[in-house]
Amino acid sequence: MNRTPSFPAATGVRPEAPPGTGIRATRRSGTGPVPVPVPAAVRFRAACPDCRGRFELAAAALRLAIGATRRTTFYTFTCPECGASVRKPAGERIIELLTGGGVRTLRLHTAL
């Protein structure tokens, strides 16, 4: 006989946070993205193709644009060393890292 415990998703019961963690469940109305707190100290390593400078940027210094294709999905920043505006392609992994790190995101829509 299989004695594997049921997963919460299978039973319809939401797991509770361990006591003493200070985490408590909140009820939300409607659907939509769940805000995730991001530490202020999140930094991203970047490089400038113009001056070849290497540096770290805060999430506020980056912008992510997600388009319908690979060509229209990119992130941008201004090089702190030479002032150049830099645009680089963003694949799936980069998108995950940037959004998880609190970078502001713009979704580009195409006309129907």
C-alpha atoms as a PDB file:
ATOM      1  CA  MET A   1       0.000   0.000   0.000  1.00  0.00           C
ATOM      2  CA  ASN A   2       1.273   3.469  -0.899  1.00  0.00           C
ATOM      3  CA  ARG A   3       1.709   5.602   2.227  1.00  0.00           C
ATOM      4  CA  THR A   4       2.831   8.754   0.479  1.00  0.00           C
ATOM      5  CA  PRO A   5       1.101  11.755   2.080  1.00  0.00           C
ATOM      6  CA  SER A   6      -1.231  13.767  -0.126  1.00  0.00           C
ATOM      7  CA  PHE A   7       0.126  16.978  -1.548  1.00  0.00           C
ATOM      8  CA  PRO A   8      -1.751  20.153  -0.590  1.00  0.00           C
ATOM      9  CA  ALA A   9      -2.775  20.768  -4.207  1.00  0.00           C
ATOM     10  CA  ALA A  10      -4.308  17.301  -4.387  1.00  0.00           C
ATOM     11  CA  THR A  11      -6.304  17.747  -1.172  1.00  0.00           C
ATOM     12  CA  GLY A  12      -7.353  21.345  -1.814  1.00  0.00           C
ATOM     13  CA  VAL A  13      -5.830  22.420   1.526  1.00  0.00           C
ATOM     14  CA  ARG A  14      -3.354  25.291   1.638  1.00  0.00           C
ATOM     15  CA  PRO A  15      -0.271  24.620   3.733  1.00  0.00           C
ATOM     16  CA  GLU A  16       0.217  26.713   6.866  1.00  0.00           C
ATOM     17  CA  ALA A  17       3.458  28.534   7.639  1.00  0.00           C
ATOM     18  CA  PRO A  18       5.543  27.010  10.439  1.00  0.00           C
ATOM     19  CA  PRO A  19       4.844  28.605  13.835  1.00  0.00           C
ATOM     20  CA  GLY A  20       7.160  31.430  14.848  1.00  0.00           C
ATOM     21  CA  THR A  21       8.055  32.475  11.280  1.00  0.00           C
ATOM     22  CA  GLY A  22       5.907  35.606  11.299  1.00  0.00           C
ATOM     23  CA  ILE A  23       4.351  34.539   7.994  1.00  0.00           C
ATOM     24  CA  ARG A  24       0.591  34.506   7.853  1.00  0.00           C
ATOM     25  CA  ALA A  25      -1.905  33.761   5.139  1.00  0.00           C
ATOM     26  CA  THR A  26      -3.766  36.647   3.554  1.00  0.00           C
ATOM     27  CA  ARG A  27      -6.924  36.527   1.538  1.00  0.00           C
ATOM     28  CA  ARG A  28      -6.882  38.238  -1.830  1.00  0.00           C
ATOM     29  CA  SER A  29      -9.830  39.181  -3.941  1.00  0.00           C
ATOM     30  CA  GLY A  30      -9.635  38.884  -7.703  1.00  0.00           C
ATOM     31  CA  THR A  31      -6.861  37.470  -9.790  1.00  0.00           C
ATOM     32  CA  GLY A  32      -3.618  38.948 -10.934  1.00  0.00           C
ATOM     33  CA  PRO A  33       0.038  39.024 -10.108  1.00  0.00           C
ATOM     34  CA  VAL A  34       1.043  38.543  -6.513  1.00  0.00           C
ATOM     35  CA  PRO A  35       3.493  41.212  -5.343  1.00  0.00           C
ATOM     36  CA  VAL A  36       6.742  39.666  -4.177  1.00  0.00           C
ATOM     37  CA  PRO A  37       8.939  41.616  -1.782  1.00  0.00           C
ATOM     38  CA  VAL A  38      12.448  42.110  -3.171  1.00  0.00           C
ATOM     39  CA  PRO A  39      15.417  43.091  -1.013  1.00  0.00           C
ATOM     40  CA  ALA A  40      16.734  46.583  -1.772  1.00  0.00           C
ATOM     41  CA  ALA A  41      20.265  45.189  -2.067  1.00  0.00           C
ATOM     42  CA  VAL A  42      19.593  43.202  -5.267  1.00  0.00           C
ATOM     43  CA  ARG A  43      22.319  44.092  -7.776  1.00  0.00           C
ATOM     44  CA  PHE A  44      22.860  42.927 -11.346  1.00  0.00           C
ATOM     45  CA  ARG A  45      26.242  42.593 -13.034  1.00  0.00           C
ATOM     46  CA  ALA A  46      26.379  44.224 -16.442  1.00  0.00           C
ATOM     47  CA  ALA A  47      28.872  45.340 -19.060  1.00  0.00           C
ATOM     48  CA  CYS A  48      28.908  48.134 -21.603  1.00  0.00           C
ATOM     49  CA  PRO A  49      29.705  47.140 -25.197  1.00  0.00           C
ATOM     50  CA  ASP A  50      30.928  50.687 -25.973  1.00  0.00           C
ATOM     51  CA  CYS A  51      33.498  51.352 -23.233  1.00  0.00           C
ATOM     52  CA  ARG A  52      33.818  47.700 -22.131  1.00  0.00           C
ATOM     53  CA  GLY A  53      33.226  48.767 -18.538  1.00  0.00           C
ATOM     54  CA  ARG A  54      31.971  46.199 -16.022  1.00  0.00           C
ATOM     55  CA  PHE A  55      29.781  47.258 -13.110  1.00  0.00           C
ATOM     56  CA  GLU A  56      26.821  46.397 -10.897  1.00  0.00           C
ATOM     57  CA  LEU A  57      23.424  48.032 -11.260  1.00  0.00           C
ATOM     58  CA  ALA A  58      20.438  48.263  -8.921  1.00  0.00           C
ATOM     59  CA  ALA A  59      17.084  47.006 -10.203  1.00  0.00           C
ATOM     60  CA  ALA A  60      15.899  50.609 -10.581  1.00  0.00           C
ATOM     61  CA  ALA A  61      18.639  51.258 -13.175  1.00  0.00           C
ATOM     62  CA  LEU A  62      17.332  48.551 -15.538  1.00  0.00           C
ATOM     63  CA  ARG A  63      14.204  48.281 -17.686  1.00  0.00           C
ATOM     64  CA  LEU A  64      12.852  45.071 -19.219  1.00  0.00           C
ATOM     65  CA  ALA A  65      10.655  45.056 -22.337  1.00  0.00           C
ATOM     66  CA  ILE A  66       8.843  41.835 -23.220  1.00  0.00           C
ATOM     67  CA  GLY A  67       7.639  41.619 -26.794  1.00  0.00           C
ATOM     68  CA  ALA A  68       6.046  38.977 -28.987  1.00  0.00           C
ATOM     69  CA  THR A  69       9.373  37.791 -30.421  1.00  0.00           C
ATOM     70  CA  ARG A  70      12.987  37.333 -29.339  1.00  0.00           C
ATOM     71  CA  ARG A  71      13.880  40.465 -31.274  1.00  0.00           C
ATOM     72  CA  THR A  72      11.406  42.583 -29.311  1.00  0.00           C
ATOM     73  CA  THR A  73      12.328  41.206 -25.879  1.00  0.00           C
ATOM     74  CA  PHE A  74      15.236  43.088 -24.335  1.00  0.00           C
ATOM     75  CA  TYR A  75      16.521  44.985 -21.331  1.00  0.00           C
ATOM     76  CA  THR A  76      18.069  48.435 -21.251  1.00  0.00           C
ATOM     77  CA  PHE A  77      20.263  50.520 -18.991  1.00  0.00           C
ATOM     78  CA  THR A  78      22.545  53.537 -19.139  1.00  0.00           C
ATOM     79  CA  CYS A  79      26.240  52.850 -18.682  1.00  0.00           C
ATOM     80  CA  PRO A  80      27.375  54.614 -15.502  1.00  0.00           C
ATOM     81  CA  GLU A  81      30.920  54.964 -16.895  1.00  0.00           C
ATOM     82  CA  CYS A  82      30.402  56.425 -20.365  1.00  0.00           C
ATOM     83  CA  GLY A  83      26.690  57.369 -20.367  1.00  0.00           C
ATOM     84  CA  ALA A  84      25.831  55.185 -23.389  1.00  0.00           C
ATOM     85  CA  SER A  85      22.301  53.813 -23.683  1.00  0.00           C
ATOM     86  CA  VAL A  86      22.643  50.013 -23.811  1.00  0.00           C
ATOM     87  CA  ARG A  87      20.076  47.542 -25.160  1.00  0.00           C
ATOM     88  CA  LYS A  88      20.639  43.788 -24.835  1.00  0.00           C
ATOM     89  CA  PRO A  89      18.479  40.780 -25.756  1.00  0.00           C
ATOM     90  CA  ALA A  90      16.701  39.007 -22.907  1.00  0.00           C
ATOM     91  CA  GLY A  91      16.112  35.265 -23.065  1.00  0.00           C
ATOM     92  CA  GLU A  92      13.919  33.304 -20.674  1.00  0.00           C
ATOM     93  CA  ARG A  93      16.562  33.024 -17.940  1.00  0.00           C
ATOM     94  CA  ILE A  94      17.354  36.753 -18.036  1.00  0.00           C
ATOM     95  CA  ILE A  95      13.628  37.547 -17.861  1.00  0.00           C
ATOM     96  CA  GLU A  96      13.276  35.318 -14.771  1.00  0.00           C
ATOM     97  CA  LEU A  97      16.259  36.936 -13.038  1.00  0.00           C
ATOM     98  CA  LEU A  98      15.246  40.505 -13.808  1.00  0.00           C
ATOM     99  CA  THR A  99      11.578  40.152 -12.892  1.00  0.00           C
ATOM    100  CA  GLY A 100      12.489  38.200  -9.755  1.00  0.00           C
ATOM    101  CA  GLY A 101      14.909  40.963  -8.817  1.00  0.00           C
ATOM    102  CA  GLY A 102      12.323  43.730  -9.057  1.00  0.00           C
ATOM    103  CA  VAL A 103      13.215  45.266 -12.430  1.00  0.00           C
ATOM    104  CA  ARG A 104      10.357  47.278 -13.909  1.00  0.00           C
ATOM    105  CA  THR A 105       8.799  45.477 -16.857  1.00  0.00           C
ATOM    106  CA  LEU A 106       7.021  46.779 -19.921  1.00  0.00           C
ATOM    107  CA  ARG A 107       4.912  44.432 -22.012  1.00  0.00           C
ATOM    108  CA  LEU A 108       4.913  45.396 -25.675  1.00  0.00           C
ATOM    109  CA  HIS A 109       1.680  44.674 -27.522  1.00  0.00           C
ATOM    110  CA  THR A 110       1.234  44.403 -31.251  1.00  0.00           C
ATOM    111  CA  ALA A 111      -1.721  45.924 -33.113  1.00  0.00           C
ATOM    112  CA  LEU A 112      -4.389  43.425 -34.098  1.00  0.00           C
END
